[in-house]
Protein backbone atom coordinates (compact mmCIF):
# COMPACT_ATOMS: atom_id res chain seq x y z
CA MET A 1 96.06 141.64 98.56
CA LEU A 2 93.10 140.43 96.85
CA VAL A 3 89.98 142.90 97.03
CA ASN A 4 86.39 142.14 96.27
CA THR A 5 84.60 145.52 96.40
CA PRO A 6 81.01 146.52 96.13
CA TRP A 7 78.56 145.65 94.58
CA ALA A 8 79.49 142.05 94.91
CA SER A 9 76.79 139.80 96.49
CA LEU A 10 76.69 139.84 100.32
CA ASP A 11 75.74 136.18 100.61
CA THR A 12 78.56 134.60 98.77
CA PRO A 13 82.32 134.60 98.54
CA SER A 14 83.88 135.60 95.31
CA LEU A 15 84.72 132.39 93.28
CA ALA A 16 87.36 134.54 91.47
CA LEU A 17 89.32 135.54 94.45
CA GLY A 18 88.76 132.31 96.29
CA ILE A 19 90.64 130.79 93.45
CA LEU A 20 93.40 133.34 93.22
CA HIS A 21 93.74 133.24 96.70
CA ALA A 22 94.72 129.36 96.53
CA VAL A 23 96.86 129.91 93.35
CA VAL A 24 99.15 132.47 94.16
CA ARG A 25 100.11 131.12 97.33
CA PRO A 26 102.96 129.33 96.25
CA HIS A 27 104.27 132.41 94.43
CA VAL A 28 104.16 134.98 97.45
CA ASP A 29 105.12 135.44 100.91
CA GLU A 30 101.54 136.30 102.26
CA VAL A 31 98.12 136.65 100.31
CA THR A 32 95.29 138.40 101.88
CA THR A 33 91.52 138.55 100.78
CA LEU A 34 89.78 141.82 101.79
CA CYS A 35 85.98 141.40 101.61
CA ALA A 36 85.15 145.20 100.97
CA ASN A 37 81.80 144.58 99.87
CA VAL A 38 80.83 143.52 103.45
CA ASP A 39 82.77 146.08 104.83
CA PHE A 40 80.79 148.72 102.81
CA TYR A 41 77.48 147.18 104.10
CA ASP A 42 78.49 147.43 107.73
CA TRP A 43 79.94 150.98 107.02
CA ALA A 44 76.80 152.36 105.15
CA GLU A 45 74.43 150.73 107.56
CA GLN A 46 76.02 152.87 110.28
CA ALA A 47 76.42 155.91 108.24
CA MET A 48 72.91 155.94 106.56
CA GLY A 49 70.82 152.98 107.58
CA LEU A 50 71.52 150.94 104.61
CA THR A 51 69.60 147.42 104.61
CA VAL A 52 70.41 144.24 103.13
CA ASP A 53 67.48 144.74 100.70
CA ASP A 54 69.05 147.91 99.85
CA TYR A 55 72.12 146.58 99.01
CA GLU A 56 70.58 143.74 96.97
CA PHE A 57 69.10 146.15 94.85
CA TYR A 58 72.13 147.54 93.42
CA ALA A 59 73.93 144.33 93.52
CA HIS A 60 71.38 142.00 91.45
CA ARG A 61 68.50 144.26 90.24
CA ALA A 62 69.93 147.52 88.96
CA TYR A 63 72.62 146.28 86.53
CA PHE A 64 70.82 147.28 83.37
CA GLU A 65 70.39 150.57 84.54
CA GLY A 66 73.97 151.06 86.00
CA PHE A 67 72.89 152.65 89.36
CA GLY A 68 75.38 150.50 91.20
CA ASP A 69 78.35 151.96 89.25
CA TRP A 70 76.92 155.53 89.23
CA VAL A 71 77.13 155.19 93.03
CA PHE A 72 80.83 155.20 93.03
CA SER A 73 81.39 157.36 89.99
CA SER A 74 81.75 160.13 92.45
CA ALA A 75 84.69 158.58 94.16
CA LEU A 76 86.22 157.56 90.97
CA TYR A 77 86.23 161.26 89.96
CA ASP A 78 86.58 162.61 93.62
CA ASP A 79 83.35 164.83 93.26
CA PRO A 80 80.39 164.18 95.26
CA SER A 81 78.36 165.86 92.93
CA TRP A 82 79.72 163.97 89.92
CA ARG A 83 76.71 163.61 87.23
CA VAL A 84 73.91 164.14 89.80
CA ARG A 85 71.71 166.31 87.27
CA GLU A 86 72.13 163.56 84.85
CA PHE A 87 71.01 160.72 87.20
CA GLN A 88 67.99 162.78 88.30
CA GLU A 89 67.00 163.78 84.89
CA GLU A 90 67.92 160.69 82.74
CA MET A 91 68.52 157.79 84.88
CA ALA A 92 66.24 157.56 87.99
CA ASN A 93 62.69 158.06 86.29
CA GLY A 94 61.78 154.21 87.37
CA LEU A 95 63.20 154.56 90.83
CA THR A 96 60.84 155.13 93.80
CA ASP A 97 61.27 158.16 95.95
CA ARG A 98 63.07 155.99 98.54
CA LEU A 99 65.61 154.32 96.03
CA ARG A 100 66.26 157.81 94.32
CA LYS A 101 67.23 159.37 97.62
CA THR A 102 69.29 156.26 98.73
CA SER A 103 71.14 156.56 95.21
CA LEU A 104 72.10 159.99 96.13
CA HIS A 105 72.95 159.65 99.60
CA LEU A 106 75.22 156.83 98.58
CA HIS A 107 76.78 158.71 95.87
CA ASP A 108 77.65 161.43 98.30
CA LEU A 109 79.13 159.23 100.96
CA ALA A 110 81.32 156.89 98.31
CA PRO A 111 83.98 158.97 98.23
CA ARG A 112 84.67 158.84 102.01
CA PHE A 113 84.14 155.01 102.10
CA VAL A 114 86.88 154.66 99.26
CA ALA A 115 89.09 156.91 100.97
CA GLU A 116 88.86 155.06 104.41
CA LEU A 117 89.29 151.71 102.41
CA ALA A 118 92.28 152.57 100.52
CA ALA A 119 94.09 153.98 103.72
CA ARG A 120 93.35 150.57 105.40
CA ILE A 121 95.00 148.76 102.21
CA VAL A 122 97.90 151.14 102.18
CA GLU A 123 98.54 150.77 105.97
CA ALA A 124 98.89 146.78 105.21
CA ALA A 125 101.60 147.72 102.79
CA PRO A 126 100.85 145.15 100.14
CA ASP A 127 103.30 145.35 97.31
CA VAL A 128 100.24 144.34 94.87
CA VAL A 129 96.80 145.03 95.13
CA GLY A 130 94.34 142.87 92.78
CA PHE A 131 90.77 143.74 92.15
CA THR A 132 88.12 141.54 90.87
CA THR A 133 85.28 143.43 88.60
CA THR A 134 82.12 141.53 87.45
CA PHE A 135 78.74 143.40 86.59
CA GLN A 136 78.79 146.57 88.92
CA GLN A 137 81.99 146.48 90.63
CA ASN A 138 84.03 148.77 88.01
CA THR A 139 83.74 152.04 89.56
CA ALA A 140 84.34 150.91 92.89
CA ALA A 141 87.39 148.91 92.00
CA LEU A 142 88.66 151.69 89.79
CA ALA A 143 88.07 154.35 92.40
CA THR A 144 89.90 152.21 95.04
CA ALA A 145 92.96 151.41 93.01
CA ARG A 146 93.01 155.45 92.17
CA GLN A 147 93.05 156.27 95.73
CA VAL A 148 95.60 153.57 96.51
CA LYS A 149 97.87 154.93 93.91
CA LEU A 150 97.77 158.47 95.10
CA LEU A 151 98.80 157.38 98.96
CA ALA A 152 101.24 154.50 97.79
CA PRO A 153 102.37 155.36 94.30
CA ASP A 154 104.67 152.26 94.34
CA THR A 155 101.97 149.93 94.94
CA VAL A 156 101.24 147.68 91.93
CA THR A 157 97.43 147.71 91.04
CA VAL A 158 96.11 144.81 88.94
CA LEU A 159 92.34 144.62 87.40
CA GLY A 160 90.81 141.24 86.43
CA GLY A 161 87.20 139.37 86.06
CA ALA A 162 84.68 139.43 83.54
CA ASN A 163 84.41 143.20 83.00
CA CYS A 164 88.08 142.97 81.67
CA ASP A 165 87.29 140.23 78.98
CA GLY A 166 88.12 141.11 75.78
CA PRO A 167 88.54 144.89 74.67
CA GLN A 168 86.97 145.88 77.77
CA GLY A 169 90.29 145.06 79.64
CA GLU A 170 92.23 146.93 77.16
CA ALA A 171 89.90 149.96 77.55
CA LEU A 172 90.20 150.16 81.09
CA HIS A 173 93.91 149.91 81.12
CA ARG A 174 93.96 152.62 78.23
CA ASN A 175 91.71 155.04 80.02
CA PHE A 176 92.91 154.68 83.86
CA PRO A 177 96.56 155.06 84.23
CA PHE A 178 96.42 154.19 87.99
CA VAL A 179 95.70 150.72 86.81
CA ASP A 180 98.91 149.22 86.49
CA HIS A 181 97.97 145.77 84.65
CA VAL A 182 94.88 144.03 83.77
CA VAL A 183 94.34 140.61 83.19
CA ARG A 184 91.95 139.66 80.52
CA GLY A 185 90.18 136.15 80.53
CA GLU A 186 91.11 133.39 83.05
CA ALA A 187 93.79 134.48 85.28
CA GLU A 188 95.01 131.13 87.27
CA GLY A 189 97.90 131.18 84.83
CA ALA A 190 98.45 134.94 84.02
CA PHE A 191 98.39 136.46 87.41
CA PRO A 192 100.87 134.05 89.16
CA ALA A 193 103.20 134.63 86.14
CA LEU A 194 102.66 138.47 86.57
CA LEU A 195 103.48 138.23 90.40
CA ASP A 196 106.88 136.15 89.46
CA ALA A 197 107.66 138.72 86.78
CA LEU A 198 107.24 141.66 89.35
CA ARG A 199 109.35 139.71 91.74
CA GLY A 200 112.03 139.25 89.38
CA ARG A 201 111.74 135.70 89.35
CA GLY A 202 112.02 135.44 85.32
CA GLY A 203 109.48 135.79 82.77
CA ASP A 204 108.64 138.67 80.26
CA LEU A 205 105.30 140.75 80.73
CA ALA A 206 105.07 140.42 76.93
CA GLU A 207 104.88 136.76 77.06
CA ILE A 208 101.86 136.64 79.72
CA PRO A 209 98.64 135.68 77.65
CA GLY A 210 95.87 138.31 78.37
CA LEU A 211 98.03 140.88 80.13
CA CYS A 212 97.72 144.55 79.69
CA TRP A 213 100.89 146.45 80.83
CA ARG A 214 102.81 149.59 80.23
CA THR A 215 106.22 150.46 78.91
CA GLU A 216 108.64 152.45 80.62
CA THR A 217 107.36 155.49 78.94
CA GLY A 218 103.78 154.64 79.79
CA GLU A 219 102.48 153.47 76.68
CA HIS A 220 99.53 150.79 76.90
CA ARG A 221 100.54 147.32 75.61
CA ALA A 222 98.54 144.02 75.46
CA THR A 223 99.22 140.52 74.71
CA GLY A 224 96.39 138.33 72.97
CA LEU A 225 94.29 136.03 74.90
CA PRO A 226 95.34 132.42 75.44
CA ALA A 227 94.76 130.39 72.28
CA VAL A 228 93.55 127.44 74.24
CA PRO A 229 91.59 128.02 77.54
CA ARG A 230 92.50 126.30 80.98
CA PRO A 231 91.66 122.39 80.95
CA ALA A 232 89.08 121.29 83.76
CA ASP A 233 91.91 119.31 85.43
CA ARG A 234 93.89 122.62 86.29
CA MET A 235 90.79 124.47 88.01
CA ALA A 236 91.90 125.09 91.55
CA GLU A 237 90.03 124.82 94.63
CA PRO A 238 88.93 127.90 96.14
CA ASP A 239 89.86 129.05 99.50
CA PHE A 240 86.82 130.92 100.86
CA ASP A 241 88.21 131.12 104.50
CA ALA A 242 88.46 134.91 104.53
CA TYR A 243 84.85 135.38 103.43
CA PHE A 244 83.23 133.02 105.96
CA HIS A 245 85.19 134.76 108.62
CA ARG A 246 84.37 138.29 107.69
CA ILE A 247 80.72 137.55 107.22
CA GLU A 248 80.15 136.19 110.37
CA LEU A 249 81.31 139.59 111.95
CA SER A 250 78.87 141.46 109.99
CA SER A 251 75.68 143.30 111.04
CA ALA A 252 74.38 141.78 107.72
CA ARG A 253 74.67 138.18 109.23
CA PRO A 254 71.23 138.18 110.78
CA HIS A 255 69.56 138.96 107.59
CA LEU A 256 71.13 136.16 105.03
CA GLU A 257 72.46 132.77 105.00
CA PRO A 258 76.12 132.45 103.52
CA LYS A 259 75.84 129.96 100.51
CA LEU A 260 78.87 128.48 98.57
CA VAL A 261 79.46 129.49 94.92
CA LEU A 262 81.35 126.76 93.31
CA GLU A 263 82.01 125.63 89.58
CA GLY A 264 81.99 122.12 87.86
CA SER A 265 82.48 123.43 84.50
CA ARG A 266 83.13 126.57 82.30
CA GLY A 267 82.09 127.44 78.79
CA CYS A 268 78.80 125.84 77.30
CA TRP A 269 78.44 122.74 75.00
CA TRP A 270 75.42 123.90 73.44
CA GLY A 271 76.96 127.30 72.64
CA GLU A 272 79.96 125.58 71.00
CA LYS A 273 77.49 124.27 68.43
CA HIS A 274 74.72 126.69 68.44
CA HIS A 275 75.65 129.96 70.21
CA CYS A 276 72.11 131.39 71.36
CA THR A 277 71.86 134.76 69.42
CA PHE A 278 71.40 136.98 72.49
CA CYS A 279 73.94 135.48 74.98
CA GLY A 280 77.25 136.98 75.75
CA LEU A 281 77.78 135.48 79.05
CA ASN A 282 80.90 133.03 78.15
CA GLY A 283 82.97 136.03 76.83
CA SER A 284 85.97 134.96 74.98
CA SER A 285 86.05 131.19 76.51
CA MET A 286 83.07 129.33 75.09
CA ARG A 287 85.00 126.04 74.87
CA PHE A 288 82.89 123.51 77.35
CA ARG A 289 85.39 122.12 80.15
CA SER A 290 84.06 120.02 82.97
CA LYS A 291 85.77 118.21 85.77
CA GLU A 292 85.76 114.81 86.51
CA PRO A 293 82.40 113.83 88.43
CA VAL A 294 84.40 112.41 91.46
CA ASP A 295 86.55 115.74 91.43
CA PHE A 296 83.55 117.99 91.70
CA LEU A 297 82.10 115.85 94.16
CA ASN A 298 84.97 116.01 96.34
CA SER A 299 85.06 119.63 96.01
CA ILE A 300 81.31 120.17 97.06
CA VAL A 301 81.88 117.82 100.06
CA HIS A 302 85.08 119.53 101.24
CA GLN A 303 83.69 122.99 101.09
CA SER A 304 80.25 122.39 102.59
CA ARG A 305 82.21 120.48 105.60
CA ARG A 306 84.73 123.31 106.09
CA HIS A 307 82.22 126.09 106.01
CA GLN A 308 79.11 123.99 107.43
CA VAL A 309 77.12 125.25 104.65
CA LEU A 310 74.71 123.40 102.40
CA ASP A 311 73.29 125.60 100.05
CA VAL A 312 75.34 125.75 96.75
CA LEU A 313 75.13 128.25 93.63
CA VAL A 314 76.98 126.36 90.92
CA VAL A 315 78.24 129.02 88.09
CA ASP A 316 78.29 126.70 85.27
CA ASN A 317 76.47 128.11 82.37
CA ILE A 318 75.03 124.69 81.53
CA LEU A 319 74.72 121.31 83.45
CA ASP A 320 77.19 118.50 82.05
CA MET A 321 74.81 115.80 81.05
CA GLY A 322 77.44 113.15 82.08
CA TYR A 323 76.66 114.62 85.74
CA ILE A 324 73.35 113.41 85.58
CA HIS A 325 74.74 109.81 86.03
CA GLY A 326 78.25 110.43 87.17
CA LEU A 327 77.81 113.01 90.07
CA LEU A 328 74.06 113.62 90.96
CA PRO A 329 73.39 109.90 92.17
CA GLU A 330 76.60 110.16 94.34
CA LEU A 331 75.36 113.46 95.90
CA ALA A 332 71.98 112.00 96.68
CA GLY A 333 73.46 109.01 98.09
CA LEU A 334 75.45 111.06 100.63
CA GLY A 335 72.34 111.80 102.66
CA TYR A 336 73.09 115.49 103.08
CA ASP A 337 70.29 118.09 102.92
CA TYR A 338 71.89 120.09 99.90
CA ARG A 339 70.12 122.60 98.09
CA PHE A 340 71.87 123.51 94.77
CA HIS A 341 71.16 126.42 92.17
CA TYR A 342 72.13 125.04 88.55
CA GLU A 343 71.67 126.08 85.25
CA ILE A 344 70.17 123.50 82.97
CA LYS A 345 68.68 123.00 79.62
CA SER A 346 65.04 122.95 79.56
CA ASN A 347 64.71 119.74 77.25
CA LEU A 348 65.30 117.35 80.07
CA ARG A 349 62.82 114.64 80.64
CA HIS A 350 61.01 113.94 83.89
CA ARG A 351 63.40 110.75 84.98
CA GLN A 352 66.11 113.40 84.50
CA LEU A 353 64.60 116.06 86.53
CA LYS A 354 63.87 113.47 89.57
CA THR A 355 67.32 112.69 89.35
CA ILE A 356 68.10 116.30 89.70
CA ALA A 357 65.74 116.86 92.70
CA GLU A 358 66.98 113.98 94.48
CA ALA A 359 70.67 115.37 94.41
CA GLY A 360 69.47 118.66 95.67
CA LEU A 361 69.05 120.86 92.66
CA VAL A 362 65.95 122.75 94.17
CA GLN A 363 66.32 125.76 91.91
CA VAL A 364 67.23 125.72 88.37
CA GLN A 365 67.65 128.13 85.34
CA PRO A 366 66.47 126.30 82.41
CA GLY A 367 67.06 129.09 79.91
CA ILE A 368 63.29 128.93 78.77
CA GLU A 369 63.17 132.48 77.57
CA SER A 370 59.82 131.93 75.34
CA LEU A 371 56.87 129.36 74.61
CA SER A 372 56.96 130.06 71.04
CA SER A 373 58.77 127.58 68.77
CA ARG A 374 59.38 130.09 66.24
CA VAL A 375 60.87 132.83 68.34
CA LEU A 376 63.06 129.93 70.05
CA HIS A 377 64.28 129.03 66.77
CA LEU A 378 65.42 132.81 65.93
CA MET A 379 67.16 132.53 69.33
CA ARG A 380 68.99 129.11 68.63
CA LYS A 381 67.87 127.59 71.70
CA GLY A 382 67.18 124.11 70.26
CA VAL A 383 63.99 123.38 71.90
CA THR A 384 60.46 124.08 71.18
CA GLY A 385 57.68 125.81 73.10
CA SER A 386 55.56 123.07 73.93
CA GLN A 387 59.00 121.23 75.09
CA ASN A 388 59.59 124.52 77.56
CA VAL A 389 55.99 123.83 78.44
CA ARG A 390 56.53 120.23 79.35
CA HIS A 391 59.44 121.32 81.39
CA LEU A 392 57.32 123.64 83.49
CA ARG A 393 55.13 120.81 84.33
CA ASP A 394 57.77 118.23 84.92
CA THR A 395 59.91 120.46 87.22
CA GLN A 396 56.83 121.15 89.50
CA SER A 397 56.20 117.47 89.58
CA ALA A 398 59.86 116.71 90.43
CA GLY A 399 59.91 119.33 93.11
CA VAL A 400 62.07 121.74 91.41
CA TRP A 401 61.68 125.47 90.84
CA PRO A 402 62.69 126.93 87.31
CA VAL A 403 63.63 130.72 87.48
CA TRP A 404 63.27 132.20 84.04
CA ASN A 405 62.28 135.35 82.03
CA TYR A 406 60.09 135.72 79.07
CA LEU A 407 62.15 137.67 76.44
CA TYR A 408 60.99 139.47 73.49
CA GLY A 409 62.42 141.91 70.83
CA PHE A 410 64.14 139.40 68.20
CA PRO A 411 64.61 140.31 64.72
CA GLY A 412 61.99 138.58 62.77
CA GLU A 413 59.49 137.63 65.38
CA THR A 414 55.65 138.78 64.72
CA GLU A 415 52.77 139.81 66.77
CA ALA A 416 51.25 136.05 66.03
CA ASP A 417 53.99 134.78 67.77
CA TYR A 418 53.02 136.23 71.09
CA THR A 419 49.29 136.60 70.90
CA SER A 420 49.13 132.90 70.22
CA VAL A 421 50.66 132.18 73.49
CA ILE A 422 49.47 134.96 75.62
CA SER A 423 45.79 133.56 74.91
CA GLN A 424 47.04 130.22 76.34
CA LEU A 425 48.65 131.56 79.42
CA PRO A 426 45.70 131.22 81.75
CA ALA A 427 46.06 127.31 81.19
CA LEU A 428 49.48 127.70 82.43
CA HIS A 429 48.69 129.82 85.76
CA HIS A 430 49.46 126.53 88.11
CA LEU A 431 52.96 126.22 86.37
CA PRO A 432 55.81 128.21 87.60
CA PRO A 433 55.61 131.70 86.18
CA PRO A 434 58.57 133.83 84.79
CA GLU A 435 60.04 136.60 86.80
CA ALA A 436 59.21 139.04 84.14
CA ALA A 437 58.71 139.75 80.42
CA THR A 438 61.87 141.78 79.43
CA ARG A 439 62.95 143.03 76.07
CA ILE A 440 66.41 141.63 75.02
CA ALA A 441 69.64 143.61 75.77
CA ILE A 442 72.52 143.32 73.29
CA GLU A 443 75.52 141.89 75.00
CA ARG A 444 78.84 142.11 74.02
CA PHE A 445 80.37 138.66 72.66
CA SER A 446 76.77 137.61 71.90
CA PRO A 447 76.02 137.10 67.96
CA TYR A 448 73.80 139.75 68.08
CA PHE A 449 76.86 141.99 68.71
CA ASP A 450 79.12 140.27 66.53
CA GLN A 451 77.04 139.57 63.50
CA PRO A 452 75.14 142.68 62.41
CA GLU A 453 73.35 140.65 59.74
CA LEU A 454 71.40 138.81 62.27
CA GLY A 455 69.30 142.27 62.60
CA PHE A 456 71.01 144.73 64.76
CA ASN A 457 72.97 147.80 63.43
CA ASP A 458 74.23 150.93 64.60
CA LEU A 459 75.11 149.67 68.26
CA ARG A 460 75.80 152.13 70.88
CA PRO A 461 76.93 151.87 74.37
CA ALA A 462 73.97 151.76 76.91
CA ALA A 463 73.24 155.17 77.70
CA HIS A 464 74.14 154.86 81.54
CA TYR A 465 77.48 154.35 80.58
CA ALA A 466 77.75 157.99 79.56
CA ARG A 467 76.25 159.05 83.01
CA ILE A 468 78.92 157.23 84.70
CA TYR A 469 82.35 157.56 82.74
CA ASP A 470 84.03 160.69 81.59
CA LEU A 471 85.01 159.13 78.26
CA PRO A 472 84.72 159.42 74.56
CA ALA A 473 82.19 157.46 72.76
CA SER A 474 84.79 155.31 71.01
CA GLU A 475 86.24 154.32 74.45
CA LEU A 476 82.71 153.67 75.97
CA HIS A 477 82.26 151.09 73.24
CA ASP A 478 85.06 149.21 74.12
CA LEU A 479 84.33 149.22 77.87
CA ALA A 480 80.68 148.39 77.86
CA TYR A 481 79.04 145.22 78.01
CA LEU A 482 75.61 146.45 77.27
CA PHE A 483 74.38 147.90 74.23
CA GLU A 484 71.27 149.83 72.59
CA THR A 485 70.37 150.03 69.07
CA ALA A 486 66.65 150.40 67.47
CA HIS A 487 64.11 147.98 68.73
CA ALA A 488 63.39 144.74 66.87
CA GLY A 489 60.34 142.35 66.89
CA ILE A 490 57.07 143.45 68.35
CA ASP A 491 55.77 146.75 69.21
CA GLY A 492 55.14 148.47 72.53
CA VAL A 493 51.47 147.37 72.44
CA VAL A 494 52.05 143.69 72.12
CA ALA A 495 54.95 143.91 74.60
CA ASP A 496 52.35 145.56 77.15
CA ARG A 497 49.99 142.65 76.36
CA LEU A 498 52.74 140.09 77.24
CA ALA A 499 53.70 142.03 80.32
CA ASP A 500 50.38 142.23 81.62
CA ALA A 501 49.64 138.58 80.99
CA VAL A 502 52.94 137.69 82.88
CA ALA A 503 52.00 140.00 85.67
CA GLU A 504 48.64 138.35 85.98
CA TRP A 505 50.27 134.78 85.86
CA ARG A 506 52.36 135.72 89.08
CA ALA A 507 49.66 137.37 90.80
CA VAL A 508 47.42 134.37 90.55
CA HIS A 509 49.81 131.56 90.54
CA ALA A 510 49.79 130.86 94.34
CA SER A 511 46.06 130.13 94.37
CA CYS A 512 46.04 127.90 91.22
CA ARG A 513 46.00 124.18 90.79
CA LEU A 514 45.86 121.52 87.89
CA THR A 515 46.59 118.07 88.65
CA HIS A 516 45.71 114.54 87.32
CA HIS A 517 45.25 111.05 88.95
CA ASP A 518 45.69 108.46 86.30
CA LEU A 519 43.68 105.39 87.88
CA GLY A 520 44.18 102.87 85.13
CA ASP A 521 40.82 102.85 83.53
CA ARG A 522 40.35 106.50 83.84
CA ILE A 523 41.92 109.85 84.25
CA VAL A 524 40.78 112.16 87.02
CA LEU A 525 41.58 115.73 86.53
CA THR A 526 41.09 118.71 89.20
CA SER A 527 41.16 122.36 88.59
CA ARG A 528 41.32 125.37 90.53
CA ARG A 529 41.87 128.10 87.89
CA PRO A 530 40.08 131.21 87.67
CA GLY A 531 39.73 131.15 83.88
CA PHE A 532 37.89 127.66 83.58
CA GLY A 533 34.71 126.86 84.56
CA TRP A 534 35.34 123.39 86.07
CA THR A 535 36.67 121.53 89.25
CA ILE A 536 36.54 117.93 88.40
CA ARG A 537 36.67 116.21 85.01
CA THR A 538 36.83 112.46 84.38
CA ILE A 539 38.67 111.00 80.94
CA ASP A 540 37.23 107.43 80.94
CA ASP A 541 37.08 106.37 77.19
CA PRO A 542 39.61 104.46 75.89
CA VAL A 543 40.84 106.89 73.34
CA GLY A 544 40.83 109.54 75.73
CA THR A 545 43.06 107.75 78.25
CA ALA A 546 45.47 106.54 75.78
CA ALA A 547 45.67 110.15 74.09
CA PHE A 548 46.48 111.83 77.55
CA ARG A 549 49.15 109.56 78.33
CA LEU A 550 50.79 109.87 74.89
CA LEU A 551 50.51 113.70 75.42
CA GLU A 552 53.09 113.72 78.24
CA ASN A 553 55.31 114.74 75.50
CA PRO A 554 54.34 116.98 72.51
CA ARG A 555 52.96 115.63 69.51
CA SER A 556 51.00 116.57 66.58
CA VAL A 557 47.60 115.57 65.69
CA GLY A 558 48.68 113.06 62.95
CA SER A 559 51.35 111.42 65.23
CA LEU A 560 48.86 111.04 67.67
CA ALA A 561 46.39 109.26 65.46
CA ARG A 562 48.82 106.80 64.25
CA ARG A 563 50.05 105.98 67.44
CA LEU A 564 46.48 105.77 69.05
CA THR A 565 45.68 103.28 66.11
CA ALA A 566 48.60 101.14 66.86
CA SER A 567 47.96 100.78 70.44
CA LEU A 568 44.26 100.31 70.59
CA GLY A 569 44.35 97.86 67.42
CA ALA A 570 41.53 99.88 65.77
CA PRO A 571 41.31 102.93 63.60
CA VAL A 572 41.73 106.43 65.43
CA THR A 573 41.01 109.22 62.64
CA GLU A 574 42.60 112.51 62.75
CA ALA A 575 39.13 114.23 62.58
CA HIS A 576 38.41 112.22 66.10
CA VAL A 577 41.35 113.26 67.62
CA GLY A 578 41.20 116.90 66.62
CA ARG A 579 37.91 117.08 68.20
CA VAL A 580 39.24 115.70 71.38
CA LEU A 581 42.17 118.04 71.67
CA ALA A 582 39.69 121.14 70.75
CA ASP A 583 37.69 119.88 73.62
CA TRP A 584 40.76 119.82 76.13
CA HIS A 585 42.37 122.98 74.53
CA LYS A 586 39.25 124.66 75.41
CA ALA A 587 39.31 123.41 79.13
CA GLY A 588 42.92 124.46 79.40
CA ILE A 589 44.36 120.81 79.74
CA LEU A 590 46.53 121.44 76.75
CA PHE A 591 49.07 123.91 75.23
CA GLU A 592 49.64 123.86 71.73
CA ASP A 593 52.29 125.47 69.55
CA ALA A 594 53.46 125.00 66.01
CA ASP A 595 50.84 121.94 65.72
CA ARG A 596 52.11 120.42 68.56
CA TYR A 597 50.27 119.71 71.61
CA VAL A 598 51.40 118.39 75.31
CA HIS A 599 49.16 118.03 78.34
CA VAL A 600 49.84 120.54 81.27
CA ALA A 601 48.42 118.52 84.30
CA PRO A 602 51.30 117.37 86.75
CA PRO A 603 50.35 114.19 88.51
CA ALA A 604 48.74 114.86 91.83
CA SER A 605 51.06 112.50 93.99
CA ASN A 606 53.89 114.93 94.16
CA THR A 607 52.34 118.56 93.53
CA GLU A 608 51.66 119.44 97.44
CA LEU A 609 55.26 118.32 98.24
CA SER A 610 56.80 120.30 95.35
CA ARG A 611 55.05 123.35 96.45
CA ILE A 612 55.83 123.64 100.31
CA GLU A 613 55.90 127.39 99.57
CA GLN A 614 53.31 129.18 97.61
CA SER A 615 56.03 131.25 95.84
CA ALA A 616 59.43 130.44 94.39
CA PRO A 617 62.25 129.61 96.67
CA ASP A 618 64.77 132.39 96.67
CA LEU A 619 68.40 131.36 97.24
CA THR A 620 69.30 135.05 98.52
CA GLN A 621 66.98 134.04 101.30
CA ASP A 622 67.07 131.08 103.97
CA PHE A 623 64.71 128.69 102.67
CA ARG A 624 65.39 125.36 104.74
CA ARG A 625 63.08 122.68 104.06
CA PRO A 626 60.78 121.66 106.79
CA GLY A 627 62.65 119.66 109.36
CA ALA A 628 66.13 120.51 108.25
CA PRO A 629 68.64 121.49 110.85
CA ALA A 630 69.03 125.22 111.87
CA ALA A 631 72.84 125.20 110.92
CA LYS A 632 74.32 127.51 108.56
CA ASP A 633 73.09 126.35 105.24
CA THR A 634 73.28 127.85 101.99
CA ARG A 635 75.72 130.64 96.97
């Protein structure tokens, strides 16, 4: 039996368990996937009126504070009052009264749910129970494994998933003896091998890569992770039948649209060359591997037809650039109303973004992170601030919504890196705003974690781990994914200014516009932004029209003067260009960073079509395009 515990998303199946369900089928007599996350929602909705929004708070918006894991810590330690005082005094300060009360109520109820869940599992009499744990699933998975072992000591319990990668998996195995095995890293090979060994079909536990097990005397042992990650042609097709059957019976179903969650690649081709300093997402397997375009296309079509779902969350850390020509045109040619969420790089050009949009990639996560070239260099992002602004402009023009956060707190950044951007944000109010301005967290597997010389020393596990687990500091250090240390970079005053500027951007965005019409002999701009005192502006001189077109891409004053001189056949001085740019910058037509300028006005022709809704589309909601069929569409 494979178990997906809270707080896994309600609107998507578990990709990990979908893959394992498929790959273990030849190795066992029967395999069952239990959607305990959906079971918990239905149970808590009846027990205390839990809503889908409540559940989504713990699943998606509370990870950095650990509220979801704290809820189930009472079940893990079989104590409804477990660390309640610490929660009240040290964790819950930022919660609303309602969420504070909800958290306390769930914490009180969690042991009862886990007891009922474990009883159901044991009643089904599986000989092996595997739990996936990612983000805030640790305590729910551990608590259930503990209760299963109490009821049926001979049942073999196994943990795997992102929370088990590297030292984290060893820490879980060392500290929780009711977990018989932990699979670290990719499990498609290790887990079936473990099942074969348990059934006496040959194989030595000590030869299974990434496995934690115990000797006959109860001593913890662990094998090394695989030297070579799993190749793309051996990534299995997931089996999601259990989820789609279960969610149709759930009381959550009227409040959400189920989505597919698929993968075309693993690892990160950019991270292989220049690992972004703050990113720990790829864990122990950075090496980029990508399915052949035809194979991924067949997977998408097969899954969407089987489950009658058109909204797809692709979990790839970065878009394979070969897919732009090898996969996306084929998707567009199918004629289906697909809606994809995909992670991309923000230096894509407008024509590439149009190809993306035509294939149904309506929401992208481009990793913008900052609009300062200097800070982006500290991150090793490989883009400039002006390129990121160009990306915001071009995604809007293409009809694609970028999801991004403005990050700060990097060693070596200065106040000037932010004040220069903050002063220009009113010129960008018509473009997609960030979700928030956030100080970076230190993540395991990131360069900031592994290389203290980059600026972060004396790392300690984030405070919430000690409010959840009864473990010594050394074990928490190995179990944790998030870490704290002294803040770097800008101080709180500048951070507050940035946060206020982002909040204003989000507040006014829906009512702001800036577009341009290129009519050949002149360019007409239309603006509706409160920070600027003009509505219609015409550029009709040869230097101005040529300069505006050239500023579709970031350029310096010198580069622009040289190109204008060459294209117009007459000298255009840098002083002349400087005066034009200064005027346009004051009017909010340009963004400038690191002596590079780029215009910020999307073409008017597609703007309204790309802004059917006045706020960002949300893949956790039903956002069918106007006129789309009302079938189940949607991670």
